[in-house]
Amino acid sequence: MSGFHNGRDVFEYAVLRVVPRVERGEQINAGVVVYCRATSFVAARVHLDEDRLRALDPSADVRAVRAALRAVECVCCGGEQAGQASEEDPGRRFRWLVAPRSTVVQPGPVHTGLTADAEAEVERLLDLLVR
């Protein structure tokens, strides 16, 4: 659908949420995952506010949370660092990342939009929804 709406492409995104105590359901936003099928683009950017995390759970394992967030970024990049998803195309990696899960790092609902620059959209959404 490239060229749709004056050079803008459809993209999908989800917010990455940190739920330090799954049983309580409290969460903070810690990143975004963006996928644009038209350009085969998938990327994640993260920003963990450790003070907010500790406010929800003073005993939160910050290193483990950072490792889980880094793993999302690695899956987006593909290749060896993506582990089991290394051979998957960007769309499959995105779908795997946004599948519901009951872990400390969880994806929020998937939303859509239009963009002329998916890479810039990742940063814009991180500023808007996380920082």
N, C-alpha and C. Protein backbone atom coordinates (compact mmCIF):
# COMPACT_ATOMS: atom_id res chain seq x y z
N MET A 1 0.82 -1.19 0.00
CA MET A 1 0.00 0.00 0.00
C MET A 1 0.86 1.26 0.00
N SER A 2 2.11 1.14 -0.40
CA SER A 2 2.98 2.30 -0.47
C SER A 2 2.35 3.37 -1.35
N GLY A 3 2.48 4.60 -0.96
CA GLY A 3 1.88 5.68 -1.72
C GLY A 3 0.47 5.99 -1.25
N PHE A 4 -0.09 5.19 -0.38
CA PHE A 4 -1.42 5.40 0.16
C PHE A 4 -1.44 6.69 0.96
N HIS A 5 -2.42 7.52 0.76
CA HIS A 5 -2.56 8.80 1.48
C HIS A 5 -1.30 9.65 1.37
N ASN A 6 -0.97 10.05 0.16
CA ASN A 6 0.15 10.97 -0.08
C ASN A 6 1.49 10.44 0.45
N GLY A 7 1.84 9.24 0.07
CA GLY A 7 3.15 8.71 0.45
C GLY A 7 3.23 8.16 1.85
N ARG A 8 2.10 7.97 2.49
CA ARG A 8 2.11 7.44 3.85
C ARG A 8 1.69 5.98 3.83
N ASP A 9 2.32 5.20 4.68
CA ASP A 9 2.03 3.77 4.78
C ASP A 9 1.33 3.45 6.08
N VAL A 10 0.54 2.40 6.05
CA VAL A 10 -0.10 1.90 7.26
C VAL A 10 0.98 1.27 8.14
N PHE A 11 0.92 1.55 9.42
CA PHE A 11 1.81 0.88 10.37
C PHE A 11 0.99 0.41 11.56
N GLU A 12 1.55 -0.54 12.30
CA GLU A 12 0.93 -1.05 13.52
C GLU A 12 1.92 -0.86 14.66
N TYR A 13 1.38 -0.68 15.85
CA TYR A 13 2.27 -0.55 17.00
C TYR A 13 1.58 -1.06 18.26
N ALA A 14 2.42 -1.40 19.22
CA ALA A 14 1.95 -1.80 20.55
C ALA A 14 2.91 -1.21 21.57
N VAL A 15 2.37 -0.83 22.70
CA VAL A 15 3.18 -0.36 23.82
C VAL A 15 3.67 -1.58 24.59
N LEU A 16 4.93 -1.56 25.00
CA LEU A 16 5.47 -2.60 25.87
C LEU A 16 5.26 -2.15 27.31
N ARG A 17 4.63 -3.00 28.07
CA ARG A 17 4.32 -2.67 29.47
C ARG A 17 5.11 -3.58 30.40
N VAL A 18 5.54 -3.00 31.50
CA VAL A 18 6.20 -3.78 32.54
C VAL A 18 5.18 -3.97 33.65
N VAL A 19 4.92 -5.21 33.98
CA VAL A 19 3.98 -5.59 35.03
C VAL A 19 4.80 -6.37 36.07
N PRO A 20 5.39 -5.65 37.03
CA PRO A 20 6.34 -6.31 37.94
C PRO A 20 5.71 -7.41 38.80
N ARG A 21 4.44 -7.25 39.15
CA ARG A 21 3.75 -8.29 39.91
C ARG A 21 2.48 -8.60 39.15
N VAL A 22 2.56 -9.62 38.31
CA VAL A 22 1.47 -9.97 37.40
C VAL A 22 0.14 -10.12 38.14
N GLU A 23 0.19 -10.66 39.34
CA GLU A 23 -1.05 -10.88 40.10
C GLU A 23 -1.75 -9.57 40.46
N ARG A 24 -1.00 -8.47 40.56
CA ARG A 24 -1.60 -7.17 40.89
C ARG A 24 -2.06 -6.42 39.64
N GLY A 25 -1.43 -6.68 38.51
CA GLY A 25 -1.84 -6.05 37.26
C GLY A 25 -1.39 -4.60 37.09
N GLU A 26 -0.62 -4.06 38.04
CA GLU A 26 -0.14 -2.69 37.90
C GLU A 26 0.97 -2.66 36.87
N GLN A 27 1.05 -1.56 36.12
CA GLN A 27 1.99 -1.54 35.01
C GLN A 27 2.54 -0.15 34.74
N ILE A 28 3.69 -0.12 34.06
CA ILE A 28 4.23 1.12 33.52
C ILE A 28 4.59 0.85 32.06
N ASN A 29 4.49 1.88 31.25
CA ASN A 29 4.90 1.77 29.85
C ASN A 29 6.42 1.86 29.78
N ALA A 30 7.03 0.96 29.01
CA ALA A 30 8.49 0.92 28.95
C ALA A 30 9.04 0.81 27.54
N GLY A 31 8.19 0.86 26.53
CA GLY A 31 8.69 0.78 25.17
C GLY A 31 7.57 0.68 24.16
N VAL A 32 7.96 0.67 22.89
CA VAL A 32 7.00 0.51 21.80
C VAL A 32 7.60 -0.44 20.75
N VAL A 33 6.72 -1.15 20.06
CA VAL A 33 7.10 -1.99 18.92
C VAL A 33 6.29 -1.48 17.74
N VAL A 34 6.97 -1.21 16.62
CA VAL A 34 6.33 -0.68 15.42
C VAL A 34 6.61 -1.61 14.25
N TYR A 35 5.57 -1.84 13.45
CA TYR A 35 5.69 -2.68 12.25
C TYR A 35 5.02 -1.99 11.08
N CYS A 36 5.72 -1.93 9.95
CA CYS A 36 5.17 -1.39 8.72
C CYS A 36 5.37 -2.43 7.62
N ARG A 37 4.30 -3.07 7.22
CA ARG A 37 4.37 -4.13 6.21
C ARG A 37 4.91 -3.62 4.88
N ALA A 38 4.47 -2.43 4.46
CA ALA A 38 4.85 -1.89 3.15
C ALA A 38 6.36 -1.73 3.00
N THR A 39 7.05 -1.49 4.10
CA THR A 39 8.51 -1.29 4.04
C THR A 39 9.28 -2.41 4.74
N SER A 40 8.58 -3.48 5.15
CA SER A 40 9.20 -4.61 5.87
C SER A 40 10.00 -4.12 7.07
N PHE A 41 9.43 -3.16 7.79
CA PHE A 41 10.11 -2.54 8.93
C PHE A 41 9.50 -3.04 10.23
N VAL A 42 10.35 -3.45 11.14
CA VAL A 42 9.91 -3.74 12.51
C VAL A 42 11.03 -3.29 13.44
N ALA A 43 10.64 -2.58 14.50
CA ALA A 43 11.64 -2.09 15.46
C ALA A 43 10.97 -1.85 16.80
N ALA A 44 11.79 -1.92 17.82
CA ALA A 44 11.34 -1.60 19.18
C ALA A 44 12.30 -0.60 19.77
N ARG A 45 11.78 0.29 20.58
CA ARG A 45 12.59 1.21 21.37
C ARG A 45 12.07 1.13 22.80
N VAL A 46 12.99 1.14 23.74
CA VAL A 46 12.59 1.01 25.14
C VAL A 46 13.16 2.15 25.98
N HIS A 47 12.47 2.42 27.06
CA HIS A 47 12.90 3.41 28.05
C HIS A 47 12.30 2.97 29.39
N LEU A 48 13.15 2.49 30.28
CA LEU A 48 12.67 2.01 31.57
C LEU A 48 12.92 3.06 32.64
N ASP A 49 11.84 3.54 33.25
CA ASP A 49 11.92 4.48 34.36
C ASP A 49 12.01 3.64 35.64
N GLU A 50 13.23 3.47 36.12
CA GLU A 50 13.46 2.59 37.27
C GLU A 50 12.75 3.08 38.52
N ASP A 51 12.65 4.39 38.71
CA ASP A 51 11.96 4.92 39.90
C ASP A 51 10.48 4.54 39.87
N ARG A 52 9.84 4.67 38.71
CA ARG A 52 8.42 4.29 38.59
C ARG A 52 8.25 2.79 38.81
N LEU A 53 9.18 2.01 38.27
CA LEU A 53 9.12 0.55 38.46
C LEU A 53 9.22 0.20 39.94
N ARG A 54 10.18 0.81 40.63
CA ARG A 54 10.35 0.52 42.07
C ARG A 54 9.19 1.04 42.90
N ALA A 55 8.49 2.08 42.41
CA ALA A 55 7.31 2.56 43.12
C ALA A 55 6.21 1.50 43.09
N LEU A 56 6.11 0.77 41.98
CA LEU A 56 5.12 -0.30 41.89
C LEU A 56 5.56 -1.54 42.67
N ASP A 57 6.86 -1.81 42.61
CA ASP A 57 7.38 -3.01 43.28
C ASP A 57 8.82 -2.75 43.71
N PRO A 58 9.02 -2.39 44.99
CA PRO A 58 10.37 -2.10 45.47
C PRO A 58 11.36 -3.26 45.29
N SER A 59 10.84 -4.47 45.17
CA SER A 59 11.73 -5.63 45.01
C SER A 59 11.87 -6.07 43.55
N ALA A 60 11.42 -5.24 42.63
CA ALA A 60 11.48 -5.59 41.21
C ALA A 60 12.92 -5.89 40.78
N ASP A 61 13.09 -6.89 39.95
CA ASP A 61 14.41 -7.26 39.43
C ASP A 61 14.67 -6.43 38.17
N VAL A 62 15.28 -5.26 38.39
CA VAL A 62 15.49 -4.30 37.30
C VAL A 62 16.36 -4.92 36.20
N ARG A 63 17.36 -5.68 36.56
CA ARG A 63 18.24 -6.31 35.55
C ARG A 63 17.45 -7.27 34.67
N ALA A 64 16.56 -8.04 35.27
CA ALA A 64 15.76 -8.99 34.50
C ALA A 64 14.79 -8.26 33.58
N VAL A 65 14.21 -7.17 34.07
CA VAL A 65 13.29 -6.38 33.24
C VAL A 65 14.05 -5.79 32.06
N ARG A 66 15.22 -5.22 32.32
CA ARG A 66 16.03 -4.67 31.22
C ARG A 66 16.40 -5.76 30.22
N ALA A 67 16.73 -6.95 30.70
CA ALA A 67 17.08 -8.05 29.80
C ALA A 67 15.88 -8.44 28.93
N ALA A 68 14.69 -8.47 29.52
CA ALA A 68 13.48 -8.82 28.76
C ALA A 68 13.19 -7.76 27.70
N LEU A 69 13.39 -6.49 28.04
CA LEU A 69 13.17 -5.41 27.07
C LEU A 69 14.21 -5.48 25.95
N ARG A 70 15.45 -5.76 26.31
CA ARG A 70 16.51 -5.92 25.29
C ARG A 70 16.18 -7.07 24.35
N ALA A 71 15.62 -8.14 24.89
CA ALA A 71 15.26 -9.30 24.06
C ALA A 71 14.24 -8.91 23.00
N VAL A 72 13.29 -8.03 23.34
CA VAL A 72 12.31 -7.57 22.35
C VAL A 72 13.03 -6.83 21.23
N GLU A 73 13.96 -5.96 21.59
CA GLU A 73 14.72 -5.24 20.57
C GLU A 73 15.49 -6.21 19.67
N CYS A 74 16.05 -7.24 20.26
CA CYS A 74 16.81 -8.23 19.49
C CYS A 74 15.93 -9.00 18.52
N VAL A 75 14.73 -9.37 18.94
CA VAL A 75 13.81 -10.08 18.05
C VAL A 75 13.47 -9.19 16.86
N CYS A 76 13.28 -7.91 17.10
CA CYS A 76 12.97 -6.98 16.00
C CYS A 76 14.11 -6.94 14.99
N CYS A 77 15.34 -6.97 15.47
CA CYS A 77 16.50 -6.88 14.58
C CYS A 77 16.68 -8.13 13.73
N GLY A 78 16.16 -9.26 14.20
CA GLY A 78 16.31 -10.50 13.45
C GLY A 78 17.72 -11.05 13.56
N GLY A 79 18.03 -12.01 12.70
CA GLY A 79 19.35 -12.61 12.73
C GLY A 79 19.56 -13.45 13.97
N GLU A 80 20.81 -13.78 14.22
CA GLU A 80 21.18 -14.66 15.33
C GLU A 80 20.65 -14.18 16.67
N GLN A 81 20.71 -12.88 16.88
CA GLN A 81 20.30 -12.33 18.18
C GLN A 81 18.81 -12.49 18.45
N ALA A 82 18.02 -12.84 17.43
CA ALA A 82 16.57 -12.99 17.60
C ALA A 82 16.19 -14.36 18.14
N GLY A 83 17.16 -15.25 18.32
CA GLY A 83 16.87 -16.57 18.87
C GLY A 83 15.96 -17.38 17.96
N GLN A 84 14.89 -17.92 18.54
CA GLN A 84 13.97 -18.77 17.78
C GLN A 84 13.32 -18.04 16.61
N ALA A 85 13.23 -16.73 16.68
CA ALA A 85 12.58 -15.95 15.62
C ALA A 85 13.56 -15.50 14.54
N SER A 86 14.79 -15.99 14.58
CA SER A 86 15.84 -15.48 13.70
C SER A 86 15.52 -15.61 12.21
N GLU A 87 14.82 -16.63 11.82
CA GLU A 87 14.53 -16.86 10.40
C GLU A 87 13.18 -16.29 9.97
N GLU A 88 12.45 -15.71 10.89
CA GLU A 88 11.11 -15.21 10.58
C GLU A 88 11.18 -13.85 9.89
N ASP A 89 10.17 -13.56 9.07
CA ASP A 89 10.11 -12.25 8.42
C ASP A 89 9.64 -11.21 9.45
N PRO A 90 9.79 -9.92 9.13
CA PRO A 90 9.42 -8.87 10.10
C PRO A 90 7.98 -8.97 10.61
N GLY A 91 7.05 -9.31 9.74
CA GLY A 91 5.65 -9.41 10.17
C GLY A 91 5.44 -10.51 11.19
N ARG A 92 6.06 -11.65 10.97
CA ARG A 92 5.93 -12.76 11.94
C ARG A 92 6.60 -12.42 13.26
N ARG A 93 7.75 -11.74 13.19
CA ARG A 93 8.41 -11.34 14.44
C ARG A 93 7.52 -10.37 15.21
N PHE A 94 6.89 -9.40 14.51
CA PHE A 94 5.99 -8.47 15.18
C PHE A 94 4.82 -9.21 15.82
N ARG A 95 4.18 -10.10 15.08
CA ARG A 95 3.03 -10.86 15.62
C ARG A 95 3.44 -11.66 16.84
N TRP A 96 4.63 -12.25 16.82
CA TRP A 96 5.10 -13.02 17.97
C TRP A 96 5.28 -12.10 19.17
N LEU A 97 5.84 -10.90 18.94
CA LEU A 97 6.09 -9.97 20.04
C LEU A 97 4.82 -9.40 20.65
N VAL A 98 3.77 -9.24 19.83
CA VAL A 98 2.54 -8.62 20.35
C VAL A 98 1.50 -9.65 20.80
N ALA A 99 1.85 -10.93 20.74
CA ALA A 99 0.94 -11.96 21.24
C ALA A 99 0.79 -11.80 22.75
N PRO A 100 -0.44 -11.89 23.27
CA PRO A 100 -0.64 -11.74 24.72
C PRO A 100 0.18 -12.75 25.51
N ARG A 101 0.71 -12.29 26.64
CA ARG A 101 1.47 -13.18 27.52
C ARG A 101 1.37 -12.67 28.94
N SER A 102 1.55 -13.59 29.87
CA SER A 102 1.51 -13.23 31.29
C SER A 102 2.92 -13.25 31.86
N THR A 103 3.74 -12.34 31.39
CA THR A 103 5.10 -12.22 31.87
C THR A 103 5.30 -10.80 32.39
N VAL A 104 6.48 -10.52 32.88
CA VAL A 104 6.75 -9.19 33.43
C VAL A 104 6.70 -8.13 32.33
N VAL A 105 7.19 -8.43 31.13
CA VAL A 105 7.07 -7.51 30.00
C VAL A 105 5.97 -8.03 29.09
N GLN A 106 4.94 -7.20 28.90
CA GLN A 106 3.76 -7.60 28.12
C GLN A 106 3.46 -6.55 27.06
N PRO A 107 2.98 -6.99 25.90
CA PRO A 107 2.53 -6.02 24.90
C PRO A 107 1.12 -5.54 25.23
N GLY A 108 0.86 -4.28 24.92
CA GLY A 108 -0.50 -3.77 25.03
C GLY A 108 -1.24 -4.10 23.74
N PRO A 109 -2.45 -3.57 23.58
CA PRO A 109 -3.21 -3.80 22.35
C PRO A 109 -2.49 -3.22 21.13
N VAL A 110 -2.73 -3.80 19.98
CA VAL A 110 -2.15 -3.30 18.73
C VAL A 110 -3.04 -2.19 18.18
N HIS A 111 -2.41 -1.10 17.79
CA HIS A 111 -3.09 0.04 17.18
C HIS A 111 -2.50 0.27 15.80
N THR A 112 -3.20 1.03 14.96
CA THR A 112 -2.70 1.32 13.62
C THR A 112 -2.66 2.82 13.37
N GLY A 113 -1.91 3.20 12.36
CA GLY A 113 -1.82 4.59 11.96
C GLY A 113 -1.22 4.68 10.58
N LEU A 114 -0.98 5.89 10.13
CA LEU A 114 -0.34 6.15 8.84
C LEU A 114 0.93 6.94 9.09
N THR A 115 1.99 6.60 8.36
CA THR A 115 3.25 7.31 8.53
C THR A 115 4.01 7.39 7.21
N ALA A 116 4.78 8.42 7.06
CA ALA A 116 5.68 8.55 5.92
C ALA A 116 7.07 8.05 6.30
N ASP A 117 7.31 7.82 7.60
CA ASP A 117 8.63 7.44 8.09
C ASP A 117 8.48 6.56 9.34
N ALA A 118 8.49 5.26 9.13
CA ALA A 118 8.27 4.33 10.25
C ALA A 118 9.35 4.46 11.33
N GLU A 119 10.59 4.68 10.92
CA GLU A 119 11.68 4.83 11.90
C GLU A 119 11.41 6.03 12.82
N ALA A 120 10.99 7.13 12.24
CA ALA A 120 10.67 8.32 13.04
C ALA A 120 9.46 8.06 13.92
N GLU A 121 8.54 7.23 13.46
CA GLU A 121 7.33 6.92 14.22
C GLU A 121 7.67 6.21 15.52
N VAL A 122 8.68 5.36 15.49
CA VAL A 122 9.11 4.65 16.70
C VAL A 122 9.52 5.65 17.77
N GLU A 123 10.33 6.61 17.39
CA GLU A 123 10.79 7.63 18.35
C GLU A 123 9.64 8.53 18.81
N ARG A 124 8.77 8.91 17.88
CA ARG A 124 7.64 9.76 18.23
C ARG A 124 6.73 9.06 19.25
N LEU A 125 6.45 7.79 19.01
CA LEU A 125 5.58 7.03 19.91
C LEU A 125 6.25 6.81 21.27
N LEU A 126 7.56 6.58 21.26
CA LEU A 126 8.27 6.41 22.54
C LEU A 126 8.16 7.70 23.36
N ASP A 127 8.34 8.85 22.72
CA ASP A 127 8.21 10.13 23.43
C ASP A 127 6.78 10.35 23.92
N LEU A 128 5.81 10.04 23.06
CA LEU A 128 4.41 10.29 23.38
C LEU A 128 3.86 9.36 24.46
N LEU A 129 4.22 8.09 24.40
CA LEU A 129 3.57 7.07 25.23
C LEU A 129 4.42 6.53 26.38
N VAL A 130 5.72 6.78 26.36
CA VAL A 130 6.58 6.15 27.37
C VAL A 130 7.35 7.15 28.19
N ARG A 131 8.07 8.03 27.57
CA ARG A 131 8.97 8.94 28.32
C ARG A 131 8.22 9.97 29.13
